[in-house]
Structures are given as C-alpha cells and as structure tokens.
C-alpha cells in the first residue's frame, strides 16, 4: 500500500515557516527544504523520514 506525500506539512513548512516564495518552494526538492530548516536552526525531517520520502518519491533522472 502506498502512502500519500505529506503536501500539507511541506507547504506549511516551506511557505509558512521558511516564507519561501511559491516559485522557490515548488522548485525545491524535499532535501533542499530539509537543508533550509537546518540553516535556520528550526526542526527538520529525521534522517529516516527523509530516506523514506526519497525511496517513495525518487527524483527523475
């Protein structure tokens, strides 16, 4: 069974907490959003959660 991508949480984080402009948010990868949290000192994804997301939603070559 596949799980849905947590869009609401990512949108709240990227657009709300990080205040990224929509163009920057939609162009960013989950890894880039996580890195942005790391540079602001805010909580970020756990490594396990990020690995799970990357497995389920790989970048297209």
PDB file of N, CA and C in Angstrom:
ATOM      1  N   UNK A   1       0.839  -1.173   0.000  1.00  0.00           N
ATOM      2  CA  UNK A   1       0.000   0.000   0.000  1.00  0.00           C
ATOM      3  C   UNK A   1       0.891   1.245   0.000  1.00  0.00           C
ATOM      4  N   UNK A   2       0.645   2.149  -0.912  1.00  0.00           N
ATOM      5  CA  UNK A   2       1.447   3.372  -0.958  1.00  0.00           C
ATOM      6  C   UNK A   2       0.826   4.443  -0.068  1.00  0.00           C
ATOM      7  N   UNK A   3       1.702   5.227   0.512  1.00  0.00           N
ATOM      8  CA  UNK A   3       1.253   6.341   1.350  1.00  0.00           C
ATOM      9  C   UNK A   3       1.308   7.618   0.529  1.00  0.00           C
ATOM     10  N   UNK A   4       0.473   8.550   0.891  1.00  0.00           N
ATOM     11  CA  UNK A   4       0.434   9.819   0.179  1.00  0.00           C
ATOM     12  C   UNK A   4       1.558  10.725   0.677  1.00  0.00           C
ATOM     13  N   UNK A   5       2.067  11.542  -0.212  1.00  0.00           N
ATOM     14  CA  UNK A   5       3.096  12.507   0.165  1.00  0.00           C
ATOM     15  C   UNK A   5       2.463  13.570   1.064  1.00  0.00           C
ATOM     16  N   UNK A   6       3.151  13.971   2.150  1.00  0.00           N
ATOM     17  CA  UNK A   6       2.579  14.925   3.110  1.00  0.00           C
ATOM     18  C   UNK A   6       2.635  16.377   2.624  1.00  0.00           C
ATOM     19  N   UNK A   7       1.886  16.684   1.565  1.00  0.00           N
ATOM     20  CA  UNK A   7       1.924  18.015   0.967  1.00  0.00           C
ATOM     21  C   UNK A   7       1.575  19.120   1.955  1.00  0.00           C
ATOM     22  N   UNK A   8       0.542  18.924   2.773  1.00  0.00           N
ATOM     23  CA  UNK A   8       0.127  19.976   3.696  1.00  0.00           C
ATOM     24  C   UNK A   8       1.265  20.353   4.642  1.00  0.00           C
ATOM     25  N   UNK A   9       1.973  19.359   5.164  1.00  0.00           N
ATOM     26  CA  UNK A   9       3.087  19.636   6.074  1.00  0.00           C
ATOM     27  C   UNK A   9       4.225  20.349   5.348  1.00  0.00           C
ATOM     28  N   UNK A  10       4.540  19.918   4.141  1.00  0.00           N
ATOM     29  CA  UNK A  10       5.621  20.554   3.384  1.00  0.00           C
ATOM     30  C   UNK A  10       5.262  21.973   2.983  1.00  0.00           C
ATOM     31  N   UNK A  11       4.021  22.184   2.587  1.00  0.00           N
ATOM     32  CA  UNK A  11       3.598  23.533   2.219  1.00  0.00           C
ATOM     33  C   UNK A  11       3.621  24.451   3.442  1.00  0.00           C
ATOM     34  N   UNK A  12       3.164  23.958   4.585  1.00  0.00           N
ATOM     35  CA  UNK A  12       3.196  24.762   5.810  1.00  0.00           C
ATOM     36  C   UNK A  12       4.634  25.105   6.188  1.00  0.00           C
ATOM     37  N   UNK A  13       5.529  24.140   6.040  1.00  0.00           N
ATOM     38  CA  UNK A  13       6.933  24.378   6.376  1.00  0.00           C
ATOM     39  C   UNK A  13       7.590  25.345   5.396  1.00  0.00           C
ATOM     40  N   UNK A  14       7.476  25.051   4.133  1.00  0.00           N
ATOM     41  CA  UNK A  14       8.166  25.854   3.114  1.00  0.00           C
ATOM     42  C   UNK A  14       7.591  27.242   2.925  1.00  0.00           C
ATOM     43  N   UNK A  15       6.273  27.308   2.815  1.00  0.00           N
ATOM     44  CA  UNK A  15       5.643  28.600   2.562  1.00  0.00           C
ATOM     45  C   UNK A  15       5.398  29.384   3.855  1.00  0.00           C
ATOM     46  N   UNK A  16       5.017  28.668   4.913  1.00  0.00           N
ATOM     47  CA  UNK A  16       4.682  29.339   6.164  1.00  0.00           C
ATOM     48  C   UNK A  16       5.879  29.628   7.045  1.00  0.00           C
ATOM     49  N   UNK A  17       6.593  28.583   7.444  1.00  0.00           N
ATOM     50  CA  UNK A  17       7.703  28.767   8.377  1.00  0.00           C
ATOM     51  C   UNK A  17       8.939  29.369   7.717  1.00  0.00           C
ATOM     52  N   UNK A  18       9.310  28.847   6.561  1.00  0.00           N
ATOM     53  CA  UNK A  18      10.502  29.366   5.878  1.00  0.00           C
ATOM     54  C   UNK A  18      10.204  30.614   5.051  1.00  0.00           C
ATOM     55  N   UNK A  19       8.922  30.848   4.776  1.00  0.00           N
ATOM     56  CA  UNK A  19       8.485  32.014   3.992  1.00  0.00           C
ATOM     57  C   UNK A  19       9.113  32.060   2.607  1.00  0.00           C
ATOM     58  N   UNK A  20       9.238  30.888   1.997  1.00  0.00           N
ATOM     59  CA  UNK A  20       9.744  30.845   0.633  1.00  0.00           C
ATOM     60  C   UNK A  20       8.679  31.382  -0.320  1.00  0.00           C
ATOM     61  N   UNK A  21       9.083  32.104  -1.355  1.00  0.00           N
ATOM     62  CA  UNK A  21       8.098  32.478  -2.370  1.00  0.00           C
ATOM     63  C   UNK A  21       7.610  31.199  -3.059  1.00  0.00           C
ATOM     64  N   UNK A  22       6.374  31.175  -3.519  1.00  0.00           N
ATOM     65  CA  UNK A  22       5.843  29.954  -4.138  1.00  0.00           C
ATOM     66  C   UNK A  22       6.743  29.380  -5.236  1.00  0.00           C
ATOM     67  N   UNK A  23       7.333  30.235  -6.045  1.00  0.00           N
ATOM     68  CA  UNK A  23       8.194  29.746  -7.133  1.00  0.00           C
ATOM     69  C   UNK A  23       9.387  28.977  -6.580  1.00  0.00           C
ATOM     70  N   UNK A  24       9.963  29.472  -5.496  1.00  0.00           N
ATOM     71  CA  UNK A  24      11.117  28.796  -4.886  1.00  0.00           C
ATOM     72  C   UNK A  24      10.683  27.497  -4.213  1.00  0.00           C
ATOM     73  N   UNK A  25       9.538  27.530  -3.536  1.00  0.00           N
ATOM     74  CA  UNK A  25       9.050  26.315  -2.878  1.00  0.00           C
ATOM     75  C   UNK A  25       8.818  25.208  -3.894  1.00  0.00           C
ATOM     76  N   UNK A  26       8.091  25.493  -4.957  1.00  0.00           N
ATOM     77  CA  UNK A  26       7.751  24.445  -5.924  1.00  0.00           C
ATOM     78  C   UNK A  26       8.952  23.966  -6.726  1.00  0.00           C
ATOM     79  N   UNK A  27      10.007  24.767  -6.781  1.00  0.00           N
ATOM     80  CA  UNK A  27      11.225  24.352  -7.486  1.00  0.00           C
ATOM     81  C   UNK A  27      12.157  23.546  -6.578  1.00  0.00           C
ATOM     82  N   UNK A  28      11.915  23.564  -5.257  1.00  0.00           N
ATOM     83  CA  UNK A  28      12.799  22.900  -4.295  1.00  0.00           C
ATOM     84  C   UNK A  28      12.471  21.412  -4.163  1.00  0.00           C
ATOM     85  N   UNK A  29      13.489  20.643  -3.821  1.00  0.00           N
ATOM     86  CA  UNK A  29      13.311  19.219  -3.532  1.00  0.00           C
ATOM     87  C   UNK A  29      13.088  19.056  -2.026  1.00  0.00           C
ATOM     88  N   UNK A  30      12.561  17.905  -1.582  1.00  0.00           N
ATOM     89  CA  UNK A  30      12.453  17.678  -0.135  1.00  0.00           C
ATOM     90  C   UNK A  30      13.793  17.836   0.585  1.00  0.00           C
ATOM     91  N   UNK A  31      14.857  17.421  -0.035  1.00  0.00           N
ATOM     92  CA  UNK A  31      16.189  17.561   0.571  1.00  0.00           C
ATOM     93  C   UNK A  31      16.559  19.033   0.735  1.00  0.00           C
ATOM     94  N   UNK A  32      16.211  19.856  -0.241  1.00  0.00           N
ATOM     95  CA  UNK A  32      16.507  21.283  -0.135  1.00  0.00           C
ATOM     96  C   UNK A  32      15.670  21.948   0.962  1.00  0.00           C
ATOM     97  N   UNK A  33      14.417  21.541   1.087  1.00  0.00           N
ATOM     98  CA  UNK A  33      13.575  22.077   2.162  1.00  0.00           C
ATOM     99  C   UNK A  33      14.177  21.684   3.515  1.00  0.00           C
ATOM    100  N   UNK A  34      14.601  20.429   3.655  1.00  0.00           N
ATOM    101  CA  UNK A  34      15.229  19.972   4.894  1.00  0.00           C
ATOM    102  C   UNK A  34      16.499  20.770   5.186  1.00  0.00           C
ATOM    103  N   UNK A  35      17.301  21.022   4.167  1.00  0.00           N
ATOM    104  CA  UNK A  35      18.531  21.798   4.362  1.00  0.00           C
ATOM    105  C   UNK A  35      18.209  23.223   4.774  1.00  0.00           C
ATOM    106  N   UNK A  36      17.154  23.795   4.248  1.00  0.00           N
ATOM    107  CA  UNK A  36      16.768  25.153   4.630  1.00  0.00           C
ATOM    108  C   UNK A  36      16.406  25.198   6.109  1.00  0.00           C
ATOM    109  N   UNK A  37      15.730  24.172   6.615  1.00  0.00           N
ATOM    110  CA  UNK A  37      15.423  24.119   8.041  1.00  0.00           C
ATOM    111  C   UNK A  37      16.700  24.024   8.857  1.00  0.00           C
ATOM    112  N   UNK A  38      17.656  23.251   8.397  1.00  0.00           N
ATOM    113  CA  UNK A  38      18.907  23.072   9.138  1.00  0.00           C
ATOM    114  C   UNK A  38      19.660  24.394   9.260  1.00  0.00           C
ATOM    115  N   UNK A  39      19.619  25.237   8.240  1.00  0.00           N
ATOM    116  CA  UNK A  39      20.353  26.503   8.283  1.00  0.00           C
ATOM    117  C   UNK A  39      19.640  27.555   9.110  1.00  0.00           C
ATOM    118  N   UNK A  40      18.337  27.387   9.367  1.00  0.00           N
ATOM    119  CA  UNK A  40      17.616  28.371  10.167  1.00  0.00           C
ATOM    120  C   UNK A  40      17.563  27.976  11.635  1.00  0.00           C
ATOM    121  N   UNK A  41      18.066  26.773  11.967  1.00  0.00           N
ATOM    122  CA  UNK A  41      18.014  26.305  13.334  1.00  0.00           C
ATOM    123  C   UNK A  41      16.666  25.739  13.724  1.00  0.00           C
ATOM    124  N   UNK A  42      15.761  25.601  12.780  1.00  0.00           N
ATOM    125  CA  UNK A  42      14.450  25.030  13.068  1.00  0.00           C
ATOM    126  C   UNK A  42      14.521  23.521  12.940  1.00  0.00           C
ATOM    127  N   UNK A  43      13.500  22.855  13.464  1.00  0.00           N
ATOM    128  CA  UNK A  43      13.439  21.401  13.337  1.00  0.00           C
ATOM    129  C   UNK A  43      13.382  21.007  11.871  1.00  0.00           C
ATOM    130  N   UNK A  44      13.934  19.854  11.588  1.00  0.00           N
ATOM    131  CA  UNK A  44      13.928  19.347  10.222  1.00  0.00           C
ATOM    132  C   UNK A  44      13.421  17.918  10.227  1.00  0.00           C
ATOM    133  N   UNK A  45      13.378  17.320   9.082  1.00  0.00           N
ATOM    134  CA  UNK A  45      12.968  15.923   8.967  1.00  0.00           C
ATOM    135  C   UNK A  45      14.011  15.031   9.628  1.00  0.00           C
ATOM    136  N   UNK A  46      13.560  13.912  10.164  1.00  0.00           N
ATOM    137  CA  UNK A  46      14.525  12.936  10.647  1.00  0.00           C
ATOM    138  C   UNK A  46      15.176  12.274   9.426  1.00  0.00           C
ATOM    139  N   UNK A  47      16.332  11.736   9.619  1.00  0.00           N
ATOM    140  CA  UNK A  47      17.028  11.066   8.513  1.00  0.00           C
ATOM    141  C   UNK A  47      16.192   9.907   7.976  1.00  0.00           C
ATOM    142  N   UNK A  48      15.564   9.157   8.887  1.00  0.00           N
ATOM    143  CA  UNK A  48      14.733   8.033   8.462  1.00  0.00           C
ATOM    144  C   UNK A  48      13.551   8.494   7.629  1.00  0.00           C
ATOM    145  N   UNK A  49      12.914   9.583   8.053  1.00  0.00           N
ATOM    146  CA  UNK A  49      11.771  10.097   7.302  1.00  0.00           C
ATOM    147  C   UNK A  49      12.214  10.583   5.924  1.00  0.00           C
ATOM    148  N   UNK A  50      13.329  11.311   5.866  1.00  0.00           N
ATOM    149  CA  UNK A  50      13.833  11.773   4.582  1.00  0.00           C
ATOM    150  C   UNK A  50      14.180  10.600   3.671  1.00  0.00           C
ATOM    151  N   UNK A  51      14.867   9.590   4.204  1.00  0.00           N
ATOM    152  CA  UNK A  51      15.203   8.416   3.394  1.00  0.00           C
ATOM    153  C   UNK A  51      13.945   7.733   2.863  1.00  0.00           C
ATOM    154  N   UNK A  52      12.928   7.640   3.713  1.00  0.00           N
ATOM    155  CA  UNK A  52      11.664   7.041   3.289  1.00  0.00           C
ATOM    156  C   UNK A  52      11.036   7.851   2.161  1.00  0.00           C
ATOM    157  N   UNK A  53      11.020   9.172   2.290  1.00  0.00           N
ATOM    158  CA  UNK A  53      10.458  10.024   1.235  1.00  0.00           C
ATOM    159  C   UNK A  53      11.248   9.884  -0.067  1.00  0.00           C
ATOM    160  N   UNK A  54      12.570   9.847   0.034  1.00  0.00           N
ATOM    161  CA  UNK A  54      13.402   9.717  -1.165  1.00  0.00           C
ATOM    162  C   UNK A  54      13.183   8.374  -1.861  1.00  0.00           C
ATOM    163  N   UNK A  55      12.953   7.318  -1.071  1.00  0.00           N
ATOM    164  CA  UNK A  55      12.659   5.999  -1.657  1.00  0.00           C
ATOM    165  C   UNK A  55      11.310   6.019  -2.378  1.00  0.00           C
ATOM    166  N   UNK A  56      10.315   6.627  -1.742  1.00  0.00           N
ATOM    167  CA  UNK A  56       8.967   6.624  -2.306  1.00  0.00           C
ATOM    168  C   UNK A  56       8.786   7.617  -3.447  1.00  0.00           C
ATOM    169  N   UNK A  57       9.544   8.706  -3.417  1.00  0.00           N
ATOM    170  CA  UNK A  57       9.399   9.758  -4.426  1.00  0.00           C
ATOM    171  C   UNK A  57      10.756  10.124  -4.988  1.00  0.00           C
ATOM    172  N   UNK A  58      11.398   9.214  -5.728  1.00  0.00           N
ATOM    173  CA  UNK A  58      12.744   9.499  -6.247  1.00  0.00           C
ATOM    174  C   UNK A  58      12.723  10.594  -7.292  1.00  0.00           C
ATOM    175  N   UNK A  59      13.836  11.324  -7.370  1.00  0.00           N
ATOM    176  CA  UNK A  59      13.995  12.312  -8.437  1.00  0.00           C
ATOM    177  C   UNK A  59      14.040  11.596  -9.764  1.00  0.00           C
ATOM    178  N   UNK A  60      13.507  12.217 -10.765  1.00  0.00           N
ATOM    179  CA  UNK A  60      13.565  11.646 -12.113  1.00  0.00           C
ATOM    180  C   UNK A  60      14.958  11.881 -12.680  1.00  0.00           C
ATOM    181  N   UNK A  61      15.532  10.886 -13.353  1.00  0.00           N
ATOM    182  CA  UNK A  61      16.886  11.096 -13.919  1.00  0.00           C
ATOM    183  C   UNK A  61      16.878  12.106 -15.054  1.00  0.00           C
TER     184      UNK A  61
END
